[in-house]
N, C-alpha and C. Protein backbone atom coordinates (compact mmCIF):
# COMPACT_ATOMS: atom_id res chain seq x y z
N MET A 1 21.43 1.53 -3.89
CA MET A 1 20.62 1.20 -2.75
C MET A 1 20.77 -0.29 -2.45
N VAL A 2 20.85 -0.63 -1.19
CA VAL A 2 20.96 -2.02 -0.77
C VAL A 2 19.56 -2.58 -0.56
N LYS A 3 19.30 -3.74 -1.11
CA LYS A 3 18.00 -4.39 -1.02
C LYS A 3 18.14 -5.75 -0.36
N ILE A 4 17.09 -6.15 0.35
CA ILE A 4 16.97 -7.52 0.84
C ILE A 4 15.96 -8.17 -0.10
N ARG A 5 16.41 -9.19 -0.84
CA ARG A 5 15.56 -9.78 -1.86
C ARG A 5 15.82 -11.27 -2.00
N LEU A 6 15.07 -11.89 -2.91
CA LEU A 6 15.20 -13.32 -3.16
C LEU A 6 16.05 -13.56 -4.40
N THR A 7 16.81 -14.64 -4.37
CA THR A 7 17.50 -15.12 -5.55
C THR A 7 17.12 -16.59 -5.72
N ARG A 8 16.82 -16.97 -6.94
CA ARG A 8 16.31 -18.31 -7.18
C ARG A 8 17.43 -19.31 -7.38
N ILE A 9 17.28 -20.45 -6.72
CA ILE A 9 18.14 -21.61 -6.96
C ILE A 9 17.20 -22.80 -7.03
N GLY A 10 17.71 -23.99 -7.23
CA GLY A 10 16.84 -25.16 -7.32
C GLY A 10 16.58 -25.54 -8.77
N ARG A 11 15.89 -26.65 -8.94
CA ARG A 11 15.66 -27.14 -10.30
C ARG A 11 14.38 -26.55 -10.90
N LYS A 12 14.17 -26.91 -12.14
CA LYS A 12 12.97 -26.50 -12.85
C LYS A 12 11.74 -27.10 -12.15
N LYS A 13 10.72 -26.30 -11.96
CA LYS A 13 9.45 -26.68 -11.33
C LYS A 13 9.60 -26.99 -9.83
N ALA A 14 10.77 -26.76 -9.26
CA ALA A 14 10.99 -26.97 -7.83
C ALA A 14 11.78 -25.77 -7.29
N PRO A 15 11.12 -24.61 -7.18
CA PRO A 15 11.85 -23.41 -6.78
C PRO A 15 12.32 -23.47 -5.34
N TYR A 16 13.45 -22.85 -5.12
CA TYR A 16 14.07 -22.73 -3.80
C TYR A 16 14.77 -21.38 -3.85
N TYR A 17 14.54 -20.57 -2.86
CA TYR A 17 15.08 -19.22 -2.89
C TYR A 17 16.00 -18.96 -1.71
N ARG A 18 16.98 -18.10 -1.92
CA ARG A 18 17.80 -17.59 -0.83
C ARG A 18 17.36 -16.16 -0.57
N VAL A 19 17.32 -15.78 0.70
CA VAL A 19 17.07 -14.39 1.07
C VAL A 19 18.45 -13.76 1.18
N ILE A 20 18.72 -12.79 0.32
CA ILE A 20 20.06 -12.20 0.25
C ILE A 20 19.99 -10.68 0.44
N VAL A 21 21.14 -10.13 0.74
CA VAL A 21 21.33 -8.67 0.76
C VAL A 21 22.22 -8.36 -0.43
N ALA A 22 21.75 -7.48 -1.31
CA ALA A 22 22.50 -7.17 -2.53
C ALA A 22 22.25 -5.75 -2.97
N ASP A 23 23.15 -5.24 -3.78
CA ASP A 23 22.97 -3.93 -4.39
C ASP A 23 21.82 -4.06 -5.39
N SER A 24 20.96 -3.07 -5.45
CA SER A 24 19.78 -3.15 -6.31
C SER A 24 20.14 -3.15 -7.80
N ARG A 25 21.34 -2.72 -8.14
CA ARG A 25 21.73 -2.67 -9.55
C ARG A 25 22.25 -4.01 -10.05
N ARG A 26 22.48 -4.96 -9.18
CA ARG A 26 22.99 -6.28 -9.58
C ARG A 26 21.86 -7.14 -10.14
N ALA A 27 22.24 -8.13 -10.93
CA ALA A 27 21.28 -9.08 -11.49
C ALA A 27 20.66 -9.93 -10.38
N ARG A 28 19.50 -10.49 -10.65
CA ARG A 28 18.80 -11.29 -9.64
C ARG A 28 19.67 -12.40 -9.06
N ASP A 29 20.35 -13.13 -9.92
CA ASP A 29 21.20 -14.22 -9.48
C ASP A 29 22.68 -13.83 -9.49
N GLY A 30 22.96 -12.54 -9.46
CA GLY A 30 24.33 -12.06 -9.53
C GLY A 30 25.00 -11.98 -8.17
N LYS A 31 26.01 -11.14 -8.11
CA LYS A 31 26.81 -10.98 -6.90
C LYS A 31 25.97 -10.39 -5.78
N PHE A 32 26.18 -10.92 -4.57
CA PHE A 32 25.43 -10.44 -3.41
C PHE A 32 26.38 -10.15 -2.26
N ILE A 33 25.88 -9.48 -1.25
CA ILE A 33 26.70 -9.12 -0.10
C ILE A 33 26.67 -10.23 0.95
N GLU A 34 25.46 -10.73 1.26
CA GLU A 34 25.33 -11.72 2.32
C GLU A 34 24.05 -12.53 2.13
N ILE A 35 24.10 -13.81 2.51
CA ILE A 35 22.91 -14.66 2.55
C ILE A 35 22.39 -14.62 3.98
N ILE A 36 21.13 -14.26 4.15
CA ILE A 36 20.58 -14.19 5.51
C ILE A 36 19.46 -15.19 5.75
N GLY A 37 19.08 -15.98 4.75
CA GLY A 37 18.03 -16.96 4.97
C GLY A 37 17.69 -17.73 3.72
N ARG A 38 16.60 -18.50 3.84
CA ARG A 38 16.12 -19.27 2.69
C ARG A 38 14.60 -19.37 2.73
N TYR A 39 14.01 -19.63 1.57
CA TYR A 39 12.56 -19.74 1.42
C TYR A 39 12.26 -20.90 0.50
N GLN A 40 11.47 -21.86 1.02
CA GLN A 40 11.08 -23.04 0.25
C GLN A 40 9.56 -23.04 0.12
N PRO A 41 9.01 -22.48 -0.96
CA PRO A 41 7.55 -22.37 -1.06
C PRO A 41 6.82 -23.70 -1.18
N LEU A 42 7.48 -24.76 -1.64
CA LEU A 42 6.81 -26.04 -1.80
C LEU A 42 6.86 -26.91 -0.55
N ASN A 43 7.54 -26.47 0.48
CA ASN A 43 7.63 -27.22 1.73
C ASN A 43 6.28 -27.18 2.42
N LYS A 44 5.73 -28.33 2.78
CA LYS A 44 4.41 -28.40 3.41
C LYS A 44 4.42 -27.90 4.85
N ASN A 45 5.55 -28.04 5.52
CA ASN A 45 5.67 -27.59 6.90
C ASN A 45 5.90 -26.07 6.90
N GLU A 46 4.90 -25.31 7.36
CA GLU A 46 4.97 -23.85 7.29
C GLU A 46 6.12 -23.27 8.11
N GLU A 47 6.50 -23.93 9.19
CA GLU A 47 7.58 -23.44 10.02
C GLU A 47 8.93 -23.53 9.32
N GLN A 48 9.07 -24.49 8.42
CA GLN A 48 10.33 -24.69 7.71
C GLN A 48 10.34 -24.01 6.34
N GLN A 49 9.23 -23.39 5.94
CA GLN A 49 9.19 -22.71 4.65
C GLN A 49 10.16 -21.54 4.61
N VAL A 50 10.18 -20.77 5.68
CA VAL A 50 11.05 -19.59 5.74
C VAL A 50 11.98 -19.73 6.93
N VAL A 51 13.27 -19.67 6.67
CA VAL A 51 14.28 -19.67 7.73
C VAL A 51 15.14 -18.44 7.47
N CYS A 52 15.19 -17.56 8.47
CA CYS A 52 15.92 -16.31 8.29
C CYS A 52 16.67 -15.97 9.58
N ASP A 53 17.90 -15.53 9.44
CA ASP A 53 18.70 -15.10 10.58
C ASP A 53 18.20 -13.72 11.00
N ALA A 54 17.43 -13.68 12.10
CA ALA A 54 16.78 -12.45 12.54
C ALA A 54 17.78 -11.36 12.89
N ASP A 55 18.86 -11.72 13.54
CA ASP A 55 19.84 -10.71 13.94
C ASP A 55 20.46 -10.02 12.73
N ARG A 56 20.81 -10.79 11.72
CA ARG A 56 21.41 -10.21 10.52
C ARG A 56 20.38 -9.39 9.73
N ALA A 57 19.15 -9.87 9.68
CA ALA A 57 18.10 -9.11 8.99
C ALA A 57 17.87 -7.77 9.69
N LEU A 58 17.82 -7.79 11.02
CA LEU A 58 17.65 -6.54 11.77
C LEU A 58 18.84 -5.61 11.56
N TYR A 59 20.04 -6.19 11.54
CA TYR A 59 21.24 -5.38 11.30
C TYR A 59 21.11 -4.63 9.97
N TRP A 60 20.73 -5.33 8.92
CA TRP A 60 20.64 -4.70 7.61
C TRP A 60 19.48 -3.72 7.54
N LEU A 61 18.36 -4.02 8.20
CA LEU A 61 17.24 -3.09 8.22
C LEU A 61 17.62 -1.80 8.94
N HIS A 62 18.34 -1.92 10.05
CA HIS A 62 18.78 -0.73 10.79
C HIS A 62 19.79 0.09 9.98
N ASN A 63 20.50 -0.55 9.09
CA ASN A 63 21.49 0.15 8.26
C ASN A 63 20.90 0.62 6.93
N GLY A 64 19.58 0.57 6.78
CA GLY A 64 18.93 1.17 5.62
C GLY A 64 18.61 0.26 4.46
N ALA A 65 18.81 -1.04 4.59
CA ALA A 65 18.46 -1.95 3.49
C ALA A 65 16.94 -2.00 3.35
N GLN A 66 16.48 -1.98 2.10
CA GLN A 66 15.05 -1.99 1.83
C GLN A 66 14.61 -3.37 1.35
N PRO A 67 13.68 -4.03 2.07
CA PRO A 67 13.21 -5.34 1.60
C PRO A 67 12.23 -5.18 0.43
N THR A 68 12.25 -6.14 -0.48
CA THR A 68 11.26 -6.15 -1.55
C THR A 68 9.92 -6.53 -0.94
N ASP A 69 8.84 -6.41 -1.71
CA ASP A 69 7.51 -6.70 -1.19
C ASP A 69 7.39 -8.14 -0.70
N THR A 70 7.93 -9.08 -1.46
CA THR A 70 7.86 -10.49 -1.09
C THR A 70 8.65 -10.76 0.18
N VAL A 71 9.85 -10.22 0.25
CA VAL A 71 10.69 -10.42 1.44
C VAL A 71 10.05 -9.73 2.64
N ARG A 72 9.44 -8.58 2.43
CA ARG A 72 8.74 -7.89 3.52
C ARG A 72 7.65 -8.79 4.11
N ALA A 73 6.89 -9.45 3.25
CA ALA A 73 5.85 -10.37 3.72
C ALA A 73 6.45 -11.54 4.49
N LEU A 74 7.57 -12.07 4.01
CA LEU A 74 8.22 -13.19 4.68
C LEU A 74 8.77 -12.76 6.04
N LEU A 75 9.37 -11.57 6.12
CA LEU A 75 9.89 -11.07 7.39
C LEU A 75 8.76 -10.77 8.37
N ARG A 76 7.64 -10.30 7.84
CA ARG A 76 6.48 -10.05 8.69
C ARG A 76 5.97 -11.37 9.28
N ARG A 77 5.95 -12.41 8.46
CA ARG A 77 5.50 -13.73 8.90
C ARG A 77 6.41 -14.28 10.00
N GLN A 78 7.69 -13.96 9.95
CA GLN A 78 8.65 -14.41 10.95
C GLN A 78 8.64 -13.53 12.21
N GLY A 79 8.00 -12.36 12.15
CA GLY A 79 7.97 -11.45 13.28
C GLY A 79 9.17 -10.52 13.36
N ILE A 80 9.98 -10.52 12.33
CA ILE A 80 11.20 -9.71 12.32
C ILE A 80 10.86 -8.24 12.11
N LEU A 81 9.89 -7.93 11.25
CA LEU A 81 9.52 -6.54 11.02
C LEU A 81 8.89 -5.91 12.26
N LYS A 82 8.13 -6.68 12.99
CA LYS A 82 7.53 -6.17 14.23
C LYS A 82 8.63 -5.82 15.23
N ARG A 83 9.61 -6.70 15.35
CA ARG A 83 10.74 -6.46 16.26
C ARG A 83 11.53 -5.23 15.82
N PHE A 84 11.72 -5.07 14.51
CA PHE A 84 12.42 -3.91 13.97
C PHE A 84 11.68 -2.62 14.33
N HIS A 85 10.37 -2.63 14.15
CA HIS A 85 9.56 -1.46 14.46
C HIS A 85 9.61 -1.13 15.95
N GLU A 86 9.51 -2.15 16.80
CA GLU A 86 9.57 -1.93 18.25
C GLU A 86 10.91 -1.34 18.67
N GLU A 87 12.01 -1.85 18.10
CA GLU A 87 13.33 -1.32 18.42
C GLU A 87 13.48 0.12 17.95
N LYS A 88 12.92 0.43 16.80
CA LYS A 88 12.99 1.78 16.26
C LYS A 88 12.21 2.76 17.13
N VAL A 89 11.02 2.36 17.57
CA VAL A 89 10.20 3.21 18.43
C VAL A 89 10.89 3.41 19.78
N ALA A 90 11.47 2.36 20.34
CA ALA A 90 12.16 2.45 21.62
C ALA A 90 13.37 3.39 21.52
N ALA A 91 14.11 3.31 20.43
CA ALA A 91 15.26 4.19 20.24
C ALA A 91 14.82 5.64 20.10
N LYS A 92 13.70 5.87 19.42
CA LYS A 92 13.19 7.22 19.26
C LYS A 92 12.77 7.82 20.60
N LYS A 93 12.09 7.01 21.42
CA LYS A 93 11.68 7.48 22.75
C LYS A 93 12.91 7.77 23.62
N GLU A 94 13.92 6.94 23.51
CA GLU A 94 15.15 7.13 24.28
C GLU A 94 15.85 8.43 23.88
N ASN A 95 15.86 8.72 22.57
CA ASN A 95 16.48 9.95 22.08
C ASN A 95 15.69 11.18 22.52
N GLN A 96 14.37 11.08 22.58
CA GLN A 96 13.55 12.21 23.00
C GLN A 96 13.70 12.46 24.50
N ALA A 97 13.96 11.40 25.28
CA ALA A 97 14.12 11.55 26.72
C ALA A 97 15.43 12.28 27.06
N LYS A 98 16.41 12.19 26.19
CA LYS A 98 17.70 12.86 26.45
C LYS A 98 17.60 14.30 26.20
């Protein structure tokens, strides 16, 4: 299964995470498919805490990638999950109209 999750980088006591797409069987800091964003929890500016490429995140969500709970919260904060849901509902209505 493909997951959207965090991988830790940065120094001790100064965490910095990448939002990655990876196979769920790989190690946390192991091989990944793609980097789609970053998360800096210690950054005081809330707008710069989470930076994520919305188009790539939506692409992977539409292709069945499952976000972890933490990444789901981060994507919700960015408004990406809402956009994903709206696109999914619109596609379903379009299919029913045909």
